Structures are given as structure tokens and as C-alpha cells.
Amino acid sequence: MATALIFSLVAVLACSVWPFVSGTRSNDVAALQGLLRAWQGTPASLDNWSLNEDADPCGSGWKGVVCSQTQSIINLHLNDAKLSGGIPTAIGGLDELIILDLSGNPMLSSTIPMQIGHLHRLTHLKLSSCNFSGKVPREIFNMDKLEYMDLSNNPHLSLDGDAQQLIRLRQPTSFIHRRLLQKTTSGNANNNRNMPLFYTYIALGLVGLVAVIIFTFCFCRWRSLRKTRSDVFLMTPGPTISFQSKPSSRVVHVANERAEADDRH
């Protein structure tokens, strides 16, 4: 009995510490090494990254890498790291990634790979102030948990029509705070963004004009009806009031005296 209890405790302890001693997940290691190959020649920002088979990003504390308790890579912060090259398709292997920040690397160029759209746990995507070109992959706009995306200061980056439509469809939903389009600053994207706003202003102006016209018409009509009723009231004859004055008592007394004088004569 005691032996079974000890064995159970050892098994539970082994299971609890296994994630911490097993090292980084193999697919995460492969994805990071794929990034390192694409960014060869990058200066000291990645000096402790390695292409060795026994590499352990979580255990070795690779720069910019944040791991979970299960040794999964959840954050990658390489902003202003002087990276050069492009983003390889290997980025799609970091399927537990929550935050990806590659902003402030103007020597990062080429297109944004569609594999970023496979990072379904991603909530923050920061690719601003780089030199990406082409169109933003429409797969990015299907990421259900994405809350923030910054693609600003990529003058050669643009959104295609399908991506624009996806943004408009998702606007009224819980995406209200995540604004994917507002941070995209290519010339075409800005033009496409400003046109609906321009039409909105025109519509609001027309509605205001119609409201003013209706109010003016109703006010003038009310004034006209009020004046007509006043004229009718003034033209309607009122009841005839006759005043009949009664002779004063002094006049009656004088008249009686004269009548008596006439009788005497």
C-alpha cells in the first residue's frame, strides 16, 4: 500500500515537472531556426539564437522569446532589432504565438507571408515601420482572436478588395476595438478608407439640409394658419350691445316744475 502511494506521488511529480525539463517544443524550435536562417547576417540582436539540433530557446532564454509554463513560445518581441531579409513561411509553425512584434525593422522587406494567418491564437500583430510590399494576405483578416494590428509606415503595402470587404463585414461585431484598417498607411489603403468617410459627410449634410427645409416649411405653415385664424376672429361680428341712458333725477324734477307752472296759468 505504501509502495503504491509513493509510486503515485512520484508519477504526479514527474508529470508536473515534465514540461519544465522537456525543453522547448520541437515545432517552435524549428520555426525559430527558420527565422534565424532567413535573417542571417543580423547583428547582435540574435546573438544567442542557435541552429544546433539541441537548441532550447525557452531554456536558453533566447532574446525576444517569451515562453509559457508548457515551454510553448507565446510572445516574440523583436522590435527595433535591426533585422534584415523577409519573414519566412516558417513563422506559421509558432502556432501558440499570442504576440508578434517585428516593428521598427526597416530592412525587413518582401511580402507578408500568408502563414501568419495560421497563427489562430494571435491577438497582437505589430509590423509597423518596416519595408514590406505587396498586398496584406486576406488570411490575416480571418484570425478570430486578433485584437490589434499595426501595419503603419509600410509605404509599399496595400489591401486588396477582398480584405476591404472582410473589414467592413466584421466592423459591427466584437472586432470594434481591433481596427485592422486604421493602421494601414499605404496610399491606396488611405484612399479607400477616406472615400466612405467622404460619402458619410455628404449623407449627413443632406439629412441636415432636409431637416432644415422641413422645419422651415412647418414653421411657415404654422405662422400662416395662426394669422388666418386671427383674421377670421377679427372679421366675425360680435353681439350688439345697446346703451339706453336714463334721465337724471334733476332733469325730471325740472320738467315736473315746468308742467305744474303751465297748469297754474
C-alpha atoms as a PDB file:
ATOM      1  CA  MET A   1       0.000   0.000   0.000  1.00  0.00           C
ATOM      2  CA  ALA A   2       2.741   2.407   0.967  1.00  0.00           C
ATOM      3  CA  THR A   3       4.716   1.450  -2.129  1.00  0.00           C
ATOM      4  CA  ALA A   4       1.726   2.189  -4.392  1.00  0.00           C
ATOM      5  CA  LEU A   5       1.205   5.548  -2.705  1.00  0.00           C
ATOM      6  CA  ILE A   6       4.853   6.504  -3.150  1.00  0.00           C
ATOM      7  CA  PHE A   7       4.760   5.424  -6.793  1.00  0.00           C
ATOM      8  CA  SER A   8       1.651   7.562  -7.396  1.00  0.00           C
ATOM      9  CA  LEU A   9       3.266  10.611  -5.813  1.00  0.00           C
ATOM     10  CA  VAL A  10       6.378  10.163  -7.924  1.00  0.00           C
ATOM     11  CA  ALA A  11       4.263   9.843 -11.062  1.00  0.00           C
ATOM     12  CA  VAL A  12       2.306  13.013 -10.282  1.00  0.00           C
ATOM     13  CA  LEU A  13       5.505  14.894  -9.530  1.00  0.00           C
ATOM     14  CA  ALA A  14       7.084  13.709 -12.750  1.00  0.00           C
ATOM     15  CA  CYS A  15       4.075  14.798 -14.797  1.00  0.00           C
ATOM     16  CA  SER A  16       4.049  18.212 -13.137  1.00  0.00           C
ATOM     17  CA  VAL A  17       7.707  18.963 -13.782  1.00  0.00           C
ATOM     18  CA  TRP A  18       7.938  17.282 -17.172  1.00  0.00           C
ATOM     19  CA  PRO A  19       7.003  20.439 -19.156  1.00  0.00           C
ATOM     20  CA  PHE A  20       9.784  22.352 -17.439  1.00  0.00           C
ATOM     21  CA  VAL A  21      12.526  19.786 -18.097  1.00  0.00           C
ATOM     22  CA  SER A  22      11.470  18.577 -21.534  1.00  0.00           C
ATOM     23  CA  GLY A  23      12.640  21.728 -23.315  1.00  0.00           C
ATOM     24  CA  THR A  24      11.017  23.888 -25.970  1.00  0.00           C
ATOM     25  CA  ARG A  25       8.512  22.259 -28.286  1.00  0.00           C
ATOM     26  CA  SER A  26      10.222  20.894 -31.380  1.00  0.00           C
ATOM     27  CA  ASN A  27       7.969  22.696 -33.872  1.00  0.00           C
ATOM     28  CA  ASP A  28       8.651  26.010 -32.115  1.00  0.00           C
ATOM     29  CA  VAL A  29      12.408  25.378 -32.269  1.00  0.00           C
ATOM     30  CA  ALA A  30      12.170  24.565 -35.982  1.00  0.00           C
ATOM     31  CA  ALA A  31      10.126  27.724 -36.638  1.00  0.00           C
ATOM     32  CA  LEU A  32      12.601  29.987 -34.813  1.00  0.00           C
ATOM     33  CA  GLN A  33      15.555  28.395 -36.582  1.00  0.00           C
ATOM     34  CA  GLY A  34      13.757  29.013 -39.873  1.00  0.00           C
ATOM     35  CA  LEU A  35      13.503  32.684 -38.944  1.00  0.00           C
ATOM     36  CA  LEU A  36      17.181  32.744 -37.996  1.00  0.00           C
ATOM     37  CA  ARG A  37      18.204  31.325 -41.374  1.00  0.00           C
ATOM     38  CA  ALA A  38      16.154  33.988 -43.147  1.00  0.00           C
ATOM     39  CA  TRP A  39      17.745  36.703 -41.002  1.00  0.00           C
ATOM     40  CA  GLN A  40      21.357  35.561 -41.287  1.00  0.00           C
ATOM     41  CA  GLY A  41      23.702  38.492 -41.046  1.00  0.00           C
ATOM     42  CA  THR A  42      21.521  40.195 -38.453  1.00  0.00           C
ATOM     43  CA  PRO A  43      23.706  41.853 -35.782  1.00  0.00           C
ATOM     44  CA  ALA A  44      23.910  41.137 -32.078  1.00  0.00           C
ATOM     45  CA  SER A  45      20.135  41.251 -31.532  1.00  0.00           C
ATOM     46  CA  LEU A  46      20.030  37.482 -32.132  1.00  0.00           C
ATOM     47  CA  ASP A  47      23.459  36.582 -30.857  1.00  0.00           C
ATOM     48  CA  ASN A  48      22.239  33.832 -28.534  1.00  0.00           C
ATOM     49  CA  TRP A  49      19.986  32.161 -31.113  1.00  0.00           C
ATOM     50  CA  SER A  50      21.361  28.866 -32.412  1.00  0.00           C
ATOM     51  CA  LEU A  51      20.927  26.429 -35.274  1.00  0.00           C
ATOM     52  CA  ASN A  52      22.127  23.481 -33.203  1.00  0.00           C
ATOM     53  CA  GLU A  53      19.937  20.393 -33.025  1.00  0.00           C
ATOM     54  CA  ASP A  54      19.798  20.566 -29.239  1.00  0.00           C
ATOM     55  CA  ALA A  55      18.827  24.244 -29.186  1.00  0.00           C
ATOM     56  CA  ASP A  56      16.388  25.181 -26.429  1.00  0.00           C
ATOM     57  CA  PRO A  57      15.012  28.709 -26.890  1.00  0.00           C
ATOM     58  CA  CYS A  58      12.988  28.629 -23.671  1.00  0.00           C
ATOM     59  CA  GLY A  59      15.696  27.027 -21.571  1.00  0.00           C
ATOM     60  CA  SER A  60      18.469  29.214 -23.010  1.00  0.00           C
ATOM     61  CA  GLY A  61      16.493  32.438 -22.855  1.00  0.00           C
ATOM     62  CA  TRP A  62      16.720  33.445 -26.496  1.00  0.00           C
ATOM     63  CA  LYS A  63      16.404  37.205 -26.926  1.00  0.00           C
ATOM     64  CA  GLY A  64      12.889  38.384 -27.635  1.00  0.00           C
ATOM     65  CA  VAL A  65      11.352  34.972 -26.912  1.00  0.00           C
ATOM     66  CA  VAL A  66       8.732  34.537 -24.184  1.00  0.00           C
ATOM     67  CA  CYS A  67       7.575  31.023 -23.262  1.00  0.00           C
ATOM     68  CA  SER A  68       4.651  29.602 -21.330  1.00  0.00           C
ATOM     69  CA  GLN A  69       4.867  27.116 -18.480  1.00  0.00           C
ATOM     70  CA  THR A  70       4.422  24.331 -21.007  1.00  0.00           C
ATOM     71  CA  GLN A  71       7.507  25.537 -22.913  1.00  0.00           C
ATOM     72  CA  SER A  72       5.470  26.875 -25.820  1.00  0.00           C
ATOM     73  CA  ILE A  73       6.552  30.135 -27.412  1.00  0.00           C
ATOM     74  CA  ILE A  74       3.758  32.644 -26.849  1.00  0.00           C
ATOM     75  CA  ASN A  75       5.430  36.036 -27.474  1.00  0.00           C
ATOM     76  CA  LEU A  76       8.085  37.149 -29.920  1.00  0.00           C
ATOM     77  CA  HIS A  77       9.363  40.702 -29.324  1.00  0.00           C
ATOM     78  CA  LEU A  78      11.997  41.676 -31.901  1.00  0.00           C
ATOM     79  CA  ASN A  79      11.118  45.318 -32.417  1.00  0.00           C
ATOM     80  CA  ASP A  80      13.996  47.633 -33.382  1.00  0.00           C
ATOM     81  CA  ALA A  81      16.281  44.607 -33.651  1.00  0.00           C
ATOM     82  CA  LYS A  82      17.900  45.660 -36.964  1.00  0.00           C
ATOM     83  CA  LEU A  83      16.561  42.565 -38.684  1.00  0.00           C
ATOM     84  CA  SER A  84      17.108  42.226 -42.420  1.00  0.00           C
ATOM     85  CA  GLY A  85      15.535  39.992 -45.030  1.00  0.00           C
ATOM     86  CA  GLY A  86      11.931  38.823 -45.040  1.00  0.00           C
ATOM     87  CA  ILE A  87       9.504  36.829 -42.943  1.00  0.00           C
ATOM     88  CA  PRO A  88       9.831  33.155 -43.945  1.00  0.00           C
ATOM     89  CA  THR A  89       6.887  30.787 -44.158  1.00  0.00           C
ATOM     90  CA  ALA A  90       8.318  29.007 -41.099  1.00  0.00           C
ATOM     91  CA  ILE A  91       6.576  31.658 -38.977  1.00  0.00           C
ATOM     92  CA  GLY A  92       3.413  29.570 -39.315  1.00  0.00           C
ATOM     93  CA  GLY A  93       4.959  26.911 -37.081  1.00  0.00           C
ATOM     94  CA  LEU A  94       4.606  29.114 -33.989  1.00  0.00           C
ATOM     95  CA  ASP A  95       1.001  28.045 -33.571  1.00  0.00           C
ATOM     96  CA  GLU A  96       0.836  29.051 -29.878  1.00  0.00           C
ATOM     97  CA  LEU A  97       2.022  32.590 -30.537  1.00  0.00           C
ATOM     98  CA  ILE A  98      -0.056  35.368 -28.963  1.00  0.00           C
ATOM     99  CA  ILE A  99       2.040  38.488 -29.659  1.00  0.00           C
ATOM    100  CA  LEU A 100       4.257  39.041 -32.697  1.00  0.00           C
ATOM    101  CA  ASP A 101       6.201  42.307 -32.727  1.00  0.00           C
ATOM    102  CA  LEU A 102       8.661  42.907 -35.580  1.00  0.00           C
ATOM    103  CA  SER A 103       8.099  46.658 -35.781  1.00  0.00           C
ATOM    104  CA  GLY A 104      10.889  49.175 -36.323  1.00  0.00           C
ATOM    105  CA  ASN A 105      12.981  46.999 -38.664  1.00  0.00           C
ATOM    106  CA  PRO A 106      13.195  48.992 -41.902  1.00  0.00           C
ATOM    107  CA  MET A 107      15.427  46.360 -43.528  1.00  0.00           C
ATOM    108  CA  LEU A 108      12.666  43.763 -43.286  1.00  0.00           C
ATOM    109  CA  SER A 109      11.204  43.649 -46.768  1.00  0.00           C
ATOM    110  CA  SER A 110       9.464  41.339 -49.270  1.00  0.00           C
ATOM    111  CA  THR A 111       5.840  40.365 -48.757  1.00  0.00           C
ATOM    112  CA  ILE A 112       3.970  39.308 -45.637  1.00  0.00           C
ATOM    113  CA  PRO A 113       3.537  35.524 -45.793  1.00  0.00           C
ATOM    114  CA  MET A 114       0.050  34.095 -45.670  1.00  0.00           C
ATOM    115  CA  GLN A 115       1.265  31.659 -42.988  1.00  0.00           C
ATOM    116  CA  ILE A 116       0.845  34.417 -40.406  1.00  0.00           C
ATOM    117  CA  GLY A 117      -2.872  33.852 -40.867  1.00  0.00           C
ATOM    118  CA  HIS A 118      -2.374  30.341 -39.451  1.00  0.00           C
ATOM    119  CA  LEU A 119      -1.486  31.777 -36.031  1.00  0.00           C
ATOM    120  CA  HIS A 120      -5.018  31.427 -34.724  1.00  0.00           C
ATOM    121  CA  ARG A 121      -4.140  32.383 -31.135  1.00  0.00           C
ATOM    122  CA  LEU A 122      -2.511  35.657 -32.170  1.00  0.00           C
ATOM    123  CA  THR A 123      -4.010  38.760 -30.548  1.00  0.00           C
ATOM    124  CA  HIS A 124      -1.385  41.421 -31.401  1.00  0.00           C
ATOM    125  CA  LEU A 125       0.415  41.790 -34.721  1.00  0.00           C
ATOM    126  CA  LYS A 126       2.897  44.661 -34.969  1.00  0.00           C
ATOM    127  CA  LEU A 127       4.688  45.076 -38.299  1.00  0.00           C
ATOM    128  CA  SER A 128       4.944  48.863 -38.475  1.00  0.00           C
ATOM    129  CA  SER A 129       7.911  50.889 -39.738  1.00  0.00           C
ATOM    130  CA  CYS A 130       9.292  48.095 -41.893  1.00  0.00           C
ATOM    131  CA  ASN A 131       9.560  47.892 -45.664  1.00  0.00           C
ATOM    132  CA  PHE A 132       7.012  45.259 -46.615  1.00  0.00           C
ATOM    133  CA  SER A 133       5.425  45.368 -50.036  1.00  0.00           C
ATOM    134  CA  GLY A 134       2.586  43.754 -51.930  1.00  0.00           C
ATOM    135  CA  LYS A 135      -0.834  43.055 -50.504  1.00  0.00           C
ATOM    136  CA  VAL A 136      -1.777  42.118 -46.973  1.00  0.00           C
ATOM    137  CA  PRO A 137      -2.779  38.435 -47.025  1.00  0.00           C
ATOM    138  CA  ARG A 138      -6.509  38.029 -46.651  1.00  0.00           C
ATOM    139  CA  GLU A 139      -5.861  35.121 -44.257  1.00  0.00           C
ATOM    140  CA  ILE A 140      -4.900  37.681 -41.615  1.00  0.00           C
ATOM    141  CA  PHE A 141      -8.418  39.065 -41.590  1.00  0.00           C
ATOM    142  CA  ASN A 142      -9.835  35.640 -40.719  1.00  0.00           C
ATOM    143  CA  MET A 143      -7.954  35.476 -37.416  1.00  0.00           C
ATOM    144  CA  ASP A 144     -10.727  35.354 -34.843  1.00  0.00           C
ATOM    145  CA  LYS A 145      -8.680  36.414 -31.812  1.00  0.00           C
ATOM    146  CA  LEU A 146      -6.749  39.272 -33.408  1.00  0.00           C
ATOM    147  CA  GLU A 147      -7.348  42.459 -31.412  1.00  0.00           C
ATOM    148  CA  TYR A 148      -4.658  44.810 -32.667  1.00  0.00           C
ATOM    149  CA  MET A 149      -2.714  45.099 -35.891  1.00  0.00           C
ATOM    150  CA  ASP A 150      -0.292  47.877 -36.809  1.00  0.00           C
ATOM    151  CA  LEU A 151       0.986  47.963 -40.380  1.00  0.00           C
ATOM    152  CA  SER A 152       1.766  51.674 -40.487  1.00  0.00           C
ATOM    153  CA  ASN A 153       4.784  53.146 -42.247  1.00  0.00           C
ATOM    154  CA  ASN A 154       4.949  50.437 -44.876  1.00  0.00           C
ATOM    155  CA  PRO A 155       4.525  52.670 -47.927  1.00  0.00           C
ATOM    156  CA  HIS A 156       4.504  49.802 -50.433  1.00  0.00           C
ATOM    157  CA  LEU A 157       1.892  47.737 -48.630  1.00  0.00           C
ATOM    158  CA  SER A 158      -1.727  47.688 -49.752  1.00  0.00           C
ATOM    159  CA  LEU A 159      -5.061  45.975 -49.114  1.00  0.00           C
ATOM    160  CA  ASP A 160      -6.949  44.177 -51.849  1.00  0.00           C
ATOM    161  CA  GLY A 161     -10.666  44.490 -52.380  1.00  0.00           C
ATOM    162  CA  ASP A 162     -11.467  41.219 -50.633  1.00  0.00           C
ATOM    163  CA  ALA A 163      -9.662  42.344 -47.484  1.00  0.00           C
ATOM    164  CA  GLN A 164     -11.537  45.633 -47.539  1.00  0.00           C
ATOM    165  CA  GLN A 165     -14.817  43.746 -47.764  1.00  0.00           C
ATOM    166  CA  LEU A 166     -13.841  41.467 -44.879  1.00  0.00           C
ATOM    167  CA  ILE A 167     -13.084  44.501 -42.722  1.00  0.00           C
ATOM    168  CA  ARG A 168     -16.445  46.062 -43.485  1.00  0.00           C
ATOM    169  CA  LEU A 169     -18.255  42.824 -42.701  1.00  0.00           C
ATOM    170  CA  ARG A 170     -16.510  42.395 -39.369  1.00  0.00           C
ATOM    171  CA  GLN A 171     -16.823  46.032 -38.245  1.00  0.00           C
ATOM    172  CA  PRO A 172     -20.176  45.701 -36.425  1.00  0.00           C
ATOM    173  CA  THR A 173     -19.094  42.630 -34.443  1.00  0.00           C
ATOM    174  CA  SER A 174     -16.781  42.246 -31.482  1.00  0.00           C
ATOM    175  CA  PHE A 175     -13.957  43.448 -33.739  1.00  0.00           C
ATOM    176  CA  ILE A 176     -14.953  47.006 -32.846  1.00  0.00           C
ATOM    177  CA  HIS A 177     -11.706  47.687 -30.933  1.00  0.00           C
ATOM    178  CA  ARG A 178      -9.258  45.798 -33.041  1.00  0.00           C
ATOM    179  CA  ARG A 179      -9.104  48.064 -36.062  1.00  0.00           C
ATOM    180  CA  LEU A 180      -7.187  46.395 -38.749  1.00  0.00           C
ATOM    181  CA  LEU A 181      -7.551  49.036 -41.424  1.00  0.00           C
ATOM    182  CA  GLN A 182      -6.928  52.225 -39.481  1.00  0.00           C
ATOM    183  CA  LYS A 183      -3.249  51.425 -39.043  1.00  0.00           C
ATOM    184  CA  THR A 184      -2.575  50.596 -42.701  1.00  0.00           C
ATOM    185  CA  THR A 185      -0.985  53.603 -44.335  1.00  0.00           C
ATOM    186  CA  SER A 186      -0.333  52.733 -47.954  1.00  0.00           C
ATOM    187  CA  GLY A 187      -1.609  55.294 -50.412  1.00  0.00           C
ATOM    188  CA  ASN A 188      -4.262  53.010 -51.874  1.00  0.00           C
ATOM    189  CA  ALA A 189      -5.495  51.950 -48.472  1.00  0.00           C
ATOM    190  CA  ASN A 190      -5.819  55.556 -47.354  1.00  0.00           C
ATOM    191  CA  ASN A 191      -7.802  56.462 -50.446  1.00  0.00           C
ATOM    192  CA  ASN A 192     -10.124  53.503 -49.998  1.00  0.00           C
ATOM    193  CA  ARG A 193     -10.588  54.382 -46.341  1.00  0.00           C
ATOM    194  CA  ASN A 194     -11.302  58.086 -46.907  1.00  0.00           C
ATOM    195  CA  MET A 195     -13.902  57.612 -49.636  1.00  0.00           C
ATOM    196  CA  PRO A 196     -16.590  56.048 -47.393  1.00  0.00           C
ATOM    197  CA  LEU A 197     -15.948  58.772 -44.818  1.00  0.00           C
ATOM    198  CA  PHE A 198     -16.399  61.428 -47.517  1.00  0.00           C
ATOM    199  CA  TYR A 199     -19.730  59.904 -48.542  1.00  0.00           C
ATOM    200  CA  THR A 200     -20.776  59.775 -44.898  1.00  0.00           C
ATOM    201  CA  TYR A 201     -20.219  63.513 -44.544  1.00  0.00           C
ATOM    202  CA  ILE A 202     -22.249  64.152 -47.707  1.00  0.00           C
ATOM    203  CA  ALA A 203     -25.105  61.992 -46.426  1.00  0.00           C
ATOM    204  CA  LEU A 204     -25.102  63.766 -43.058  1.00  0.00           C
ATOM    205  CA  GLY A 205     -25.137  67.138 -44.806  1.00  0.00           C
ATOM    206  CA  LEU A 206     -28.100  66.128 -46.975  1.00  0.00           C
ATOM    207  CA  VAL A 207     -30.006  64.839 -43.969  1.00  0.00           C
ATOM    208  CA  GLY A 208     -29.366  68.107 -42.140  1.00  0.00           C
ATOM    209  CA  LEU A 209     -30.496  70.121 -45.166  1.00  0.00           C
ATOM    210  CA  VAL A 210     -33.723  68.127 -45.464  1.00  0.00           C
ATOM    211  CA  ALA A 211     -34.361  68.602 -41.745  1.00  0.00           C
ATOM    212  CA  VAL A 212     -33.917  72.377 -42.064  1.00  0.00           C
ATOM    213  CA  ILE A 213     -36.271  72.512 -45.061  1.00  0.00           C
ATOM    214  CA  ILE A 214     -38.952  70.503 -43.240  1.00  0.00           C
ATOM    215  CA  PHE A 215     -38.633  72.648 -40.123  1.00  0.00           C
ATOM    216  CA  THR A 216     -38.858  75.869 -42.163  1.00  0.00           C
ATOM    217  CA  PHE A 217     -41.931  74.631 -44.041  1.00  0.00           C
ATOM    218  CA  CYS A 218     -43.691  73.571 -40.825  1.00  0.00           C
ATOM    219  CA  PHE A 219     -42.878  76.878 -39.138  1.00  0.00           C
ATOM    220  CA  CYS A 220     -44.152  78.943 -42.064  1.00  0.00           C
ATOM    221  CA  ARG A 221     -47.283  76.830 -42.260  1.00  0.00           C
ATOM    222  CA  TRP A 222     -47.897  77.304 -38.552  1.00  0.00           C
ATOM    223  CA  ARG A 223     -47.464  81.081 -38.883  1.00  0.00           C
ATOM    224  CA  SER A 224     -49.854  81.160 -41.826  1.00  0.00           C
ATOM    225  CA  LEU A 225     -52.549  79.178 -40.010  1.00  0.00           C
ATOM    226  CA  ARG A 226     -52.173  81.347 -36.930  1.00  0.00           C
ATOM    227  CA  LYS A 227     -52.581  84.545 -38.959  1.00  0.00           C
ATOM    228  CA  THR A 228     -55.603  83.165 -40.800  1.00  0.00           C
ATOM    229  CA  ARG A 229     -57.333  82.283 -37.533  1.00  0.00           C
ATOM    230  CA  SER A 230     -56.622  85.767 -36.150  1.00  0.00           C
ATOM    231  CA  ASP A 231     -58.134  87.444 -39.239  1.00  0.00           C
ATOM    232  CA  VAL A 232     -61.258  85.286 -39.050  1.00  0.00           C
ATOM    233  CA  PHE A 233     -61.705  86.149 -35.386  1.00  0.00           C
ATOM    234  CA  LEU A 234     -61.453  89.873 -36.076  1.00  0.00           C
ATOM    235  CA  MET A 235     -63.916  89.748 -39.005  1.00  0.00           C
ATOM    236  CA  THR A 236     -66.619  87.835 -37.088  1.00  0.00           C
ATOM    237  CA  PRO A 237     -69.369  90.276 -35.835  1.00  0.00           C
ATOM    238  CA  GLY A 238     -69.950  90.224 -32.131  1.00  0.00           C
ATOM    239  CA  PRO A 239     -73.255  90.652 -30.243  1.00  0.00           C
ATOM    240  CA  THR A 240     -74.928  94.098 -30.500  1.00  0.00           C
ATOM    241  CA  ILE A 241     -74.878  95.940 -27.238  1.00  0.00           C
ATOM    242  CA  SER A 242     -77.273  98.923 -26.914  1.00  0.00           C
ATOM    243  CA  PHE A 243     -76.893 101.515 -24.290  1.00  0.00           C
ATOM    244  CA  GLN A 244     -80.014 103.414 -23.181  1.00  0.00           C
ATOM    245  CA  SER A 245     -79.357 106.312 -20.909  1.00  0.00           C
ATOM    246  CA  LYS A 246     -81.795 107.141 -18.183  1.00  0.00           C
ATOM    247  CA  PRO A 247     -82.668 110.813 -17.460  1.00  0.00           C
ATOM    248  CA  SER A 248     -81.200 112.097 -14.267  1.00  0.00           C
ATOM    249  CA  SER A 249     -83.464 112.928 -11.292  1.00  0.00           C
ATOM    250  CA  ARG A 250     -82.653 116.676 -11.586  1.00  0.00           C
ATOM    251  CA  VAL A 251     -83.883 116.807 -15.167  1.00  0.00           C
ATOM    252  CA  VAL A 252     -87.097 115.009 -14.151  1.00  0.00           C
ATOM    253  CA  HIS A 253     -87.636 117.454 -11.269  1.00  0.00           C
ATOM    254  CA  VAL A 254     -87.210 120.493 -13.548  1.00  0.00           C
ATOM    255  CA  ALA A 255     -89.600 119.001 -16.068  1.00  0.00           C
ATOM    256  CA  ASN A 256     -92.235 118.467 -13.357  1.00  0.00           C
ATOM    257  CA  GLU A 257     -91.923 122.048 -12.117  1.00  0.00           C
ATOM    258  CA  ARG A 258     -92.488 123.395 -15.595  1.00  0.00           C
ATOM    259  CA  ALA A 259     -95.550 121.220 -16.041  1.00  0.00           C
ATOM    260  CA  GLU A 260     -97.036 122.489 -12.766  1.00  0.00           C
ATOM    261  CA  ALA A 261     -96.334 126.088 -13.795  1.00  0.00           C
ATOM    262  CA  ASP A 262     -98.141 125.560 -17.043  1.00  0.00           C
ATOM    263  CA  ASP A 263    -101.166 124.175 -15.205  1.00  0.00           C
ATOM    264  CA  ARG A 264    -101.378 127.260 -12.975  1.00  0.00           C
ATOM    265  CA  HIS A 265    -101.546 129.549 -15.901  1.00  0.00           C
END
